[in-house]
Protein backbone atom coordinates (compact mmCIF):
# COMPACT_ATOMS: atom_id res chain seq x y z
CA UNK A 1 -32.06 38.76 -74.67
CA UNK A 2 -31.13 35.93 -77.03
CA UNK A 3 -28.56 33.33 -76.03
CA UNK A 4 -28.51 31.49 -79.34
CA UNK A 5 -24.71 31.72 -79.47
CA UNK A 6 -24.57 29.46 -76.41
CA UNK A 7 -24.58 25.71 -76.37
CA UNK A 8 -24.89 24.13 -72.94
CA UNK A 9 -23.64 20.74 -71.73
CA UNK A 10 -24.16 18.98 -68.42
CA UNK A 11 -22.57 15.98 -66.75
CA UNK A 12 -22.87 14.20 -63.42
CA UNK A 13 -19.86 12.43 -61.93
CA UNK A 14 -18.50 10.61 -58.88
CA UNK A 15 -20.68 8.65 -56.48
CA UNK A 16 -24.44 9.12 -56.32
CA UNK A 17 -26.15 11.74 -54.16
CA UNK A 18 -29.86 12.53 -53.79
CA UNK A 19 -29.65 15.65 -55.95
CA UNK A 20 -28.17 14.65 -59.29
CA UNK A 21 -31.40 13.96 -61.14
CA UNK A 22 -33.07 17.02 -59.65
CA UNK A 23 -30.12 19.34 -60.40
CA UNK A 24 -30.17 18.21 -64.05
CA UNK A 25 -33.94 18.79 -64.13
CA UNK A 26 -33.52 22.19 -62.50
CA UNK A 27 -30.90 23.31 -65.01
CA UNK A 28 -33.11 22.27 -67.94
CA UNK A 29 -36.10 24.12 -66.44
CA UNK A 30 -34.12 27.28 -65.71
CA UNK A 31 -32.48 27.46 -69.15
CA UNK A 32 -35.89 26.85 -70.74
CA UNK A 33 -37.11 29.98 -68.92
CA UNK A 34 -34.18 32.33 -69.57
CA UNK A 35 -32.50 30.94 -72.72
CA UNK A 36 -35.11 28.76 -74.47
CA UNK A 37 -33.25 28.91 -77.81
CA UNK A 38 -29.92 27.69 -76.48
CA UNK A 39 -29.34 24.02 -77.38
CA UNK A 40 -28.48 21.66 -74.50
CA UNK A 41 -26.94 18.21 -74.23
CA UNK A 42 -26.01 15.82 -71.43
CA UNK A 43 -22.79 13.81 -71.59
CA UNK A 44 -23.35 10.21 -70.50
CA UNK A 45 -21.48 8.64 -67.57
CA UNK A 46 -19.59 11.76 -66.56
CA UNK A 47 -16.13 12.37 -68.00
CA UNK A 48 -16.21 8.91 -69.57
CA UNK A 49 -18.96 10.04 -71.97
CA UNK A 50 -17.11 13.27 -72.68
CA UNK A 51 -13.99 11.30 -73.67
CA UNK A 52 -16.10 8.95 -75.82
CA UNK A 53 -18.20 11.74 -77.31
CA UNK A 54 -21.40 10.11 -76.03
CA UNK A 55 -24.22 12.52 -75.24
CA UNK A 56 -27.99 12.90 -75.42
CA UNK A 57 -29.88 16.02 -76.53
CA UNK A 58 -32.37 17.96 -74.42
CA UNK A 59 -35.36 17.74 -76.79
CA UNK A 60 -38.49 19.94 -76.59
CA UNK A 61 -40.26 16.99 -74.94
CA UNK A 62 -37.49 16.72 -72.30
CA UNK A 63 -37.78 20.47 -71.64
CA UNK A 64 -41.55 20.14 -71.26
CA UNK A 65 -41.32 17.26 -68.77
CA UNK A 66 -38.06 18.11 -66.94
CA UNK A 67 -40.03 18.36 -63.67
CA UNK A 68 -40.23 14.54 -63.66
CA UNK A 69 -36.52 14.44 -62.80
CA UNK A 70 -37.14 16.01 -59.36
CA UNK A 71 -38.85 12.89 -58.06
CA UNK A 72 -36.03 10.47 -58.92
CA UNK A 73 -32.79 9.44 -57.25
CA UNK A 74 -29.67 8.46 -59.19
CA UNK A 75 -28.78 10.34 -62.37
CA UNK A 76 -30.48 10.10 -65.77
CA UNK A 77 -27.09 10.84 -67.35
CA UNK A 78 -25.17 8.15 -65.46
CA UNK A 79 -21.94 8.55 -63.52
CA UNK A 80 -18.39 7.26 -63.52
CA UNK A 81 -15.25 7.85 -61.51
CA UNK A 82 -12.86 8.95 -64.23
CA UNK A 83 -10.07 11.40 -63.48
CA UNK A 84 -8.82 13.15 -66.61
CA UNK A 85 -5.45 13.92 -65.04
CA UNK A 86 -4.89 10.23 -64.20
CA UNK A 87 -3.60 9.36 -67.69
CA UNK A 88 -2.62 5.76 -66.91
CA UNK A 89 -6.10 4.96 -65.59
CA UNK A 90 -7.80 6.48 -68.69
CA UNK A 91 -5.51 4.44 -70.97
CA UNK A 92 -6.13 1.26 -68.95
CA UNK A 93 -9.90 1.75 -69.28
CA UNK A 94 -9.51 2.19 -73.03
CA UNK A 95 -10.92 5.73 -72.93
CA UNK A 96 -7.85 7.25 -74.61
CA UNK A 97 -5.02 5.74 -76.64
CA UNK A 98 -1.48 5.34 -75.35
CA UNK A 99 0.26 8.72 -75.68
CA UNK A 100 -2.96 10.74 -75.71
CA UNK A 101 -3.67 13.39 -73.09
CA UNK A 102 -7.23 12.85 -71.70
CA UNK A 103 -7.55 16.60 -70.99
CA UNK A 104 -6.82 17.32 -74.65
CA UNK A 105 -9.24 14.61 -75.87
CA UNK A 106 -11.99 15.99 -73.62
CA UNK A 107 -11.27 19.58 -74.63
CA UNK A 108 -11.36 18.68 -78.33
CA UNK A 109 -14.73 16.99 -77.85
CA UNK A 110 -16.16 20.14 -76.22
CA UNK A 111 -14.85 22.23 -79.12
CA UNK A 112 -16.22 19.77 -81.66
CA UNK A 113 -19.64 19.84 -79.95
CA UNK A 114 -19.53 23.66 -79.88
CA UNK A 115 -20.04 23.80 -76.12
CA UNK A 116 -19.73 27.27 -74.55
CA UNK A 117 -21.11 26.42 -71.08
CA UNK A 118 -20.38 23.22 -69.15
CA UNK A 119 -22.22 22.35 -65.93
CA UNK A 120 -20.53 19.70 -63.81
CA UNK A 121 -22.54 18.23 -60.95
CA UNK A 122 -20.24 16.39 -58.59
CA UNK A 123 -17.83 16.55 -55.68
CA UNK A 124 -14.53 18.37 -55.42
CA UNK A 125 -12.76 15.98 -57.84
CA UNK A 126 -15.44 16.49 -60.51
CA UNK A 127 -15.32 20.27 -60.21
CA UNK A 128 -11.56 20.71 -59.98
CA UNK A 129 -11.22 18.49 -63.07
CA UNK A 130 -13.66 20.83 -64.84
CA UNK A 131 -11.46 23.77 -63.82
CA UNK A 132 -8.44 22.00 -65.37
CA UNK A 133 -10.44 21.63 -68.60
CA UNK A 134 -11.42 25.31 -68.71
CA UNK A 135 -7.81 26.35 -68.02
CA UNK A 136 -6.54 24.04 -70.76
CA UNK A 137 -9.04 25.44 -73.28
CA UNK A 138 -8.28 29.01 -72.24
CA UNK A 139 -4.60 28.33 -72.89
CA UNK A 140 -5.60 27.28 -76.41
CA UNK A 141 -7.74 30.35 -77.09
CA UNK A 142 -11.15 28.71 -76.55
CA UNK A 143 -13.40 30.22 -73.93
CA UNK A 144 -15.55 27.77 -71.98
CA UNK A 145 -17.53 28.81 -68.93
CA UNK A 146 -17.63 26.02 -66.36
CA UNK A 147 -20.12 26.23 -63.52
CA UNK A 148 -20.15 23.39 -61.03
CA UNK A 149 -22.81 22.35 -58.55
CA UNK A 150 -21.48 20.78 -55.33
CA UNK A 151 -22.80 17.27 -54.79
CA UNK A 152 -21.71 15.17 -51.87
CA UNK A 153 -23.58 13.48 -49.05
CA UNK A 154 -20.49 14.04 -46.87
CA UNK A 155 -21.00 17.83 -46.85
CA UNK A 156 -17.22 18.21 -46.87
CA UNK A 157 -16.35 20.78 -49.55
CA UNK A 158 -14.32 23.87 -48.53
CA UNK A 159 -15.61 26.67 -48.38
CA UNK A 160 -19.22 25.57 -49.05
CA UNK A 161 -21.68 25.65 -46.15
CA UNK A 162 -24.05 22.94 -47.41
CA UNK A 163 -23.55 20.59 -50.35
CA UNK A 164 -26.44 19.16 -52.35
CA UNK A 165 -27.89 15.81 -51.28
CA UNK A 166 -26.46 15.68 -47.75
CA UNK A 167 -29.67 16.57 -45.90
CA UNK A 168 -31.62 13.90 -47.79
CA UNK A 169 -28.96 11.25 -47.16
CA UNK A 170 -29.10 11.97 -43.41
CA UNK A 171 -32.90 11.71 -43.40
CA UNK A 172 -32.85 8.41 -45.30
CA UNK A 173 -30.11 7.00 -43.07
CA UNK A 174 -32.44 7.68 -40.14
CA UNK A 175 -35.34 6.01 -41.97
CA UNK A 176 -33.11 3.01 -42.64
CA UNK A 177 -32.18 2.76 -38.96
CA UNK A 178 -35.83 3.03 -37.90
CA UNK A 179 -36.22 -0.57 -39.09
CA UNK A 180 -32.73 -1.88 -38.34
CA UNK A 181 -32.88 -0.75 -34.69
CA UNK A 182 -35.65 -3.27 -34.04
CA UNK A 183 -33.04 -6.01 -34.36
CA UNK A 184 -32.09 -5.05 -30.80
CA UNK A 185 -35.00 -7.29 -29.73
CA UNK A 186 -33.75 -10.37 -31.59
CA UNK A 187 -31.25 -11.67 -29.08
CA UNK A 188 -29.93 -11.19 -25.57
CA UNK A 189 -27.04 -8.70 -25.36
CA UNK A 190 -27.48 -7.51 -28.95
CA UNK A 191 -24.94 -5.10 -30.45
CA UNK A 192 -26.32 -3.11 -33.43
CA UNK A 193 -23.84 -1.10 -35.50
CA UNK A 194 -25.06 1.37 -38.11
CA UNK A 195 -22.22 2.20 -40.52
CA UNK A 196 -22.75 5.50 -42.35
CA UNK A 197 -20.84 6.83 -45.38
CA UNK A 198 -18.15 9.43 -44.75
CA UNK A 199 -14.49 8.81 -45.56
CA UNK A 200 -12.78 11.75 -43.85
CA UNK A 201 -15.76 13.70 -42.62
CA UNK A 202 -18.21 12.76 -39.88
CA UNK A 203 -20.92 15.28 -40.81
CA UNK A 204 -23.24 12.68 -42.34
CA UNK A 205 -22.90 10.25 -39.43
CA UNK A 206 -23.54 13.04 -36.94
CA UNK A 207 -26.46 14.45 -38.95
CA UNK A 208 -27.97 10.97 -39.40
CA UNK A 209 -27.74 10.34 -35.66
CA UNK A 210 -29.44 13.68 -35.01
CA UNK A 211 -32.14 12.94 -37.61
CA UNK A 212 -32.76 9.55 -35.95
CA UNK A 213 -33.08 11.10 -32.49
CA UNK A 214 -35.47 13.73 -33.92
CA UNK A 215 -37.59 10.87 -35.28
CA UNK A 216 -37.55 9.22 -31.86
CA UNK A 217 -39.12 12.39 -30.43
CA UNK A 218 -42.19 11.68 -32.57
CA UNK A 219 -42.57 8.04 -31.54
CA UNK A 220 -44.70 6.91 -28.62
CA UNK A 221 -43.33 4.29 -26.25
CA UNK A 222 -44.77 1.83 -23.73
CA UNK A 223 -42.13 1.53 -21.01
CA UNK A 224 -44.64 -0.33 -18.82
CA UNK A 225 -44.37 -3.18 -21.32
CA UNK A 226 -40.62 -3.17 -21.96
CA UNK A 227 -40.92 -0.80 -24.93
CA UNK A 228 -38.59 1.88 -23.71
CA UNK A 229 -37.15 4.79 -25.70
CA UNK A 230 -33.74 3.74 -24.39
CA UNK A 231 -33.96 0.53 -26.42
CA UNK A 232 -34.15 2.54 -29.61
CA UNK A 233 -31.87 5.44 -28.78
CA UNK A 234 -28.21 5.38 -29.74
CA UNK A 235 -25.43 4.83 -27.25
CA UNK A 236 -22.41 6.07 -29.23
CA UNK A 237 -21.41 8.06 -32.32
CA UNK A 238 -17.91 7.57 -33.74
CA UNK A 239 -16.56 9.79 -36.52
CA UNK A 240 -13.12 10.32 -38.14
CA UNK A 241 -12.60 13.69 -36.40
CA UNK A 242 -12.77 12.16 -32.91
CA UNK A 243 -10.15 10.40 -30.90
CA UNK A 244 -11.84 7.31 -29.51
CA UNK A 245 -10.63 5.80 -26.25
CA UNK A 246 -11.71 2.24 -27.02
CA UNK A 247 -11.09 0.92 -23.49
CA UNK A 248 -13.03 3.70 -21.80
CA UNK A 249 -15.89 3.44 -24.29
CA UNK A 250 -16.02 -0.36 -23.89
CA UNK A 251 -16.40 0.09 -20.15
CA UNK A 252 -19.24 2.60 -20.60
CA UNK A 253 -21.04 0.48 -23.21
CA UNK A 254 -20.67 -2.69 -21.12
CA UNK A 255 -22.64 -1.03 -18.32
CA UNK A 256 -25.36 -0.04 -20.80
CA UNK A 257 -25.43 -3.59 -22.18
CA UNK A 258 -25.83 -4.98 -18.64
CA UNK A 259 -28.66 -2.55 -17.98
CA UNK A 260 -30.63 -2.56 -21.27
CA UNK A 261 -29.56 -5.85 -22.95
CA UNK A 262 -28.66 -4.02 -26.18
CA UNK A 263 -26.30 -1.34 -27.48
CA UNK A 264 -26.62 0.72 -30.69
CA UNK A 265 -23.68 2.52 -32.29
CA UNK A 266 -23.46 4.92 -35.27
CA UNK A 267 -20.04 4.87 -36.93
CA UNK A 268 -18.56 6.63 -39.99
CA UNK A 269 -17.05 4.31 -42.59
CA UNK A 270 -13.87 6.40 -42.25
CA UNK A 271 -13.55 6.26 -38.45
CA UNK A 272 -10.24 4.72 -37.30
CA UNK A 273 -9.30 3.82 -40.92
CA UNK A 274 -5.58 4.63 -40.51
CA UNK A 275 -5.44 2.24 -37.52
CA UNK A 276 -7.34 -0.49 -39.37
CA UNK A 277 -5.24 -0.16 -42.55
CA UNK A 278 -2.05 -0.30 -40.47
CA UNK A 279 -3.33 -3.50 -38.82
CA UNK A 280 -4.21 -5.02 -42.23
CA UNK A 281 -0.82 -4.14 -43.72
CA UNK A 282 0.96 -5.44 -40.62
CA UNK A 283 -0.76 -8.78 -41.33
CA UNK A 284 0.64 -8.59 -44.85
CA UNK A 285 -2.72 -7.90 -46.49
CA UNK A 286 -2.87 -5.79 -49.66
CA UNK A 287 -5.13 -2.74 -49.26
CA UNK A 288 -6.72 -1.72 -52.56
CA UNK A 289 -6.91 1.91 -53.71
CA UNK A 290 -8.96 3.59 -56.47
CA UNK A 291 -7.99 5.94 -59.34
CA UNK A 292 -7.84 8.83 -56.85
CA UNK A 293 -5.59 6.92 -54.43
CA UNK A 294 -8.40 6.52 -51.88
CA UNK A 295 -8.42 3.31 -49.86
CA UNK A 296 -11.34 1.12 -51.00
CA UNK A 297 -13.45 1.25 -47.84
CA UNK A 298 -15.54 -1.76 -48.91
CA UNK A 299 -12.45 -3.86 -48.19
CA UNK A 300 -11.68 -2.16 -44.87
CA UNK A 301 -15.12 -2.83 -43.33
CA UNK A 302 -14.97 -0.34 -40.48
CA UNK A 303 -18.31 -1.43 -39.00
CA UNK A 304 -17.10 -5.03 -38.79
CA UNK A 305 -13.87 -3.90 -37.13
CA UNK A 306 -15.78 -1.95 -34.48
CA UNK A 307 -18.10 -4.92 -34.07
CA UNK A 308 -15.20 -7.28 -33.38
CA UNK A 309 -13.44 -4.78 -31.08
CA UNK A 310 -16.52 -4.19 -28.95
CA UNK A 311 -18.32 -7.56 -29.07
CA UNK A 312 -15.60 -9.12 -26.94
CA UNK A 313 -15.15 -6.17 -24.61
CA UNK A 314 -18.82 -5.56 -23.86
CA UNK A 315 -19.88 -9.21 -23.89
CA UNK A 316 -22.28 -9.08 -26.86
CA UNK A 317 -24.06 -12.36 -27.65
CA UNK A 318 -24.80 -11.22 -31.17
CA UNK A 319 -23.50 -8.41 -33.42
CA UNK A 320 -25.27 -6.94 -36.42
CA UNK A 321 -23.58 -4.45 -38.77
CA UNK A 322 -25.78 -2.63 -41.27
CA UNK A 323 -24.74 0.02 -43.81
CA UNK A 324 -27.20 2.67 -44.95
CA UNK A 325 -24.87 4.30 -47.50
CA UNK A 326 -26.30 3.03 -50.78
CA UNK A 327 -29.86 3.36 -49.47
CA UNK A 328 -29.30 6.98 -48.44
CA UNK A 329 -27.28 8.22 -51.39
CA UNK A 330 -29.65 6.84 -54.03
CA UNK A 331 -32.78 8.55 -52.66
CA UNK A 332 -34.65 11.31 -54.47
CA UNK A 333 -34.02 14.78 -52.99
CA UNK A 334 -36.16 15.79 -50.01
CA UNK A 335 -37.83 19.21 -49.69
CA UNK A 336 -34.85 20.86 -47.97
CA UNK A 337 -32.53 19.71 -50.76
CA UNK A 338 -35.04 20.62 -53.49
CA UNK A 339 -35.13 24.18 -52.12
CA UNK A 340 -31.32 24.31 -51.98
CA UNK A 341 -31.05 22.90 -55.52
CA UNK A 342 -33.47 25.50 -56.86
CA UNK A 343 -31.54 28.36 -55.22
CA UNK A 344 -28.19 27.06 -56.50
CA UNK A 345 -29.46 26.37 -60.02
CA UNK A 346 -30.66 29.99 -60.40
CA UNK A 347 -27.24 31.32 -59.45
CA UNK A 348 -25.54 28.68 -61.64
CA UNK A 349 -27.47 29.72 -64.76
CA UNK A 350 -27.00 33.45 -64.11
CA UNK A 351 -23.25 32.93 -63.59
CA UNK A 352 -22.93 30.78 -66.70
CA UNK A 353 -24.71 33.30 -68.93
CA UNK A 354 -22.53 36.08 -67.45
CA UNK A 355 -19.41 34.05 -68.26
CA UNK A 356 -18.43 33.57 -64.61
CA UNK A 357 -16.89 30.18 -63.83
CA UNK A 358 -16.80 28.55 -60.40
CA UNK A 359 -18.66 26.21 -58.05
CA UNK A 360 -21.97 27.44 -56.66
CA UNK A 361 -22.38 27.46 -52.90
CA UNK A 362 -22.88 29.54 -49.78
CA UNK A 363 -19.34 30.86 -49.37
CA UNK A 364 -18.33 30.45 -45.72
CA UNK A 365 -15.41 32.84 -46.22
CA UNK A 366 -17.66 35.54 -47.73
CA UNK A 367 -20.46 35.83 -45.15
CA UNK A 368 -22.28 32.76 -46.52
CA UNK A 369 -23.15 34.56 -49.76
CA UNK A 370 -24.56 32.21 -52.43
CA UNK A 371 -22.17 32.76 -55.34
CA UNK A 372 -19.87 31.18 -57.91
CA UNK A 373 -16.87 30.30 -55.76
CA UNK A 374 -13.51 30.52 -57.52
CA UNK A 375 -12.14 27.09 -58.51
CA UNK A 376 -8.75 27.40 -56.78
CA UNK A 377 -10.59 27.84 -53.45
CA UNK A 378 -12.57 24.60 -53.79
CA UNK A 379 -11.15 21.69 -51.83
CA UNK A 380 -12.50 18.38 -50.59
CA UNK A 381 -12.01 16.82 -47.18
CA UNK A 382 -13.50 19.61 -45.05
CA UNK A 383 -13.66 18.35 -41.49
CA UNK A 384 -16.78 18.36 -39.37
CA UNK A 385 -16.38 20.63 -36.36
CA UNK A 386 -16.88 18.39 -33.33
CA UNK A 387 -17.61 21.52 -31.25
CA UNK A 388 -20.82 22.20 -33.22
CA UNK A 389 -23.43 22.83 -30.48
CA UNK A 390 -26.08 20.35 -31.71
CA UNK A 391 -23.41 17.65 -31.84
CA UNK A 392 -21.91 18.29 -28.40
CA UNK A 393 -25.42 18.43 -26.92
CA UNK A 394 -26.31 15.10 -28.52
CA UNK A 395 -23.15 13.42 -27.16
CA UNK A 396 -23.87 14.83 -23.69
CA UNK A 397 -27.44 13.55 -23.96
CA UNK A 398 -26.35 9.98 -24.78
CA UNK A 399 -23.68 10.10 -22.07
CA UNK A 400 -20.66 9.90 -24.38
CA UNK A 401 -17.55 11.81 -23.33
CA UNK A 402 -15.83 13.72 -26.10
């Protein structure tokens, strides 16, 4: 079956995740198998490149060596956080002229390039923006099939069971902590705080903590010589979905500090943010927000806040806050993610060639079937269920009340 009437475009957008490069490589490989005649391009820097008409072609050489992309992190196409429906921001960045509609500019570029299939690899913002584009084009009599792949290390897209890149990010966060945890031996009464990415959702923090404790199971210790597992285990996990009784926790952690001379905490960058932002604004500080209206978490510094709160209360002599976010999200995909990417890419290409738009994922509201999920059903900010058995067991194991 010939697909010469198709022309395929891809773009990656939003923050990095350990699946972007591999998903692009997977799409190129799969189309080369089932539609080798169909021309393909990649828009550069996400929607920014689409607005500017900047793209690169998938040449025969790129098709031949697409497998190389599986062993890299980042994205060969580049990313940006551009929201087509935020007109003011697009004008401010000089991507469209005053009075222009970015959706229309982007749509015209797709028509000009003759694109019939667009693959967007990104989070909920990336994919819902793509849906807006398809709807706009449809309203103007141009049919574009948009098939998204769900990328986010937060694993927080409704109704998708597992987003691409999240497993790898958890594994790398644990690898990061494997070194950082040794700082517990640098001072008396050392408080080590590992801040993990996750704005509204604690899945990554929880999964990273679990991955770290799984790694601990494979390490040998020498308790007879003060090298105890307890020195490397974690003492607390704080995520946005939990209510944290700071006084009660401080009391519990103080006892651990007295006993073991160190305390290690895993905390989501989004834990307690409303409280911290309220405190900052009460002090008259300006809290910056991005094009999507999200608070810039770099300025909120949740780990530091927890450090200050607890250092006093548990009598820490020294506090160290380390963030694994950029280390974890820029890794190349691990085997679990590579398998998930391959499965999703196959369904993505089949859906695209059948003219079915949507975001690929295991649909939690349809018996976990891997399918193209309808755009209106895709939403960000899925919460992590704190009653998940592996999570409650872990908390019980480290002696943390929920």
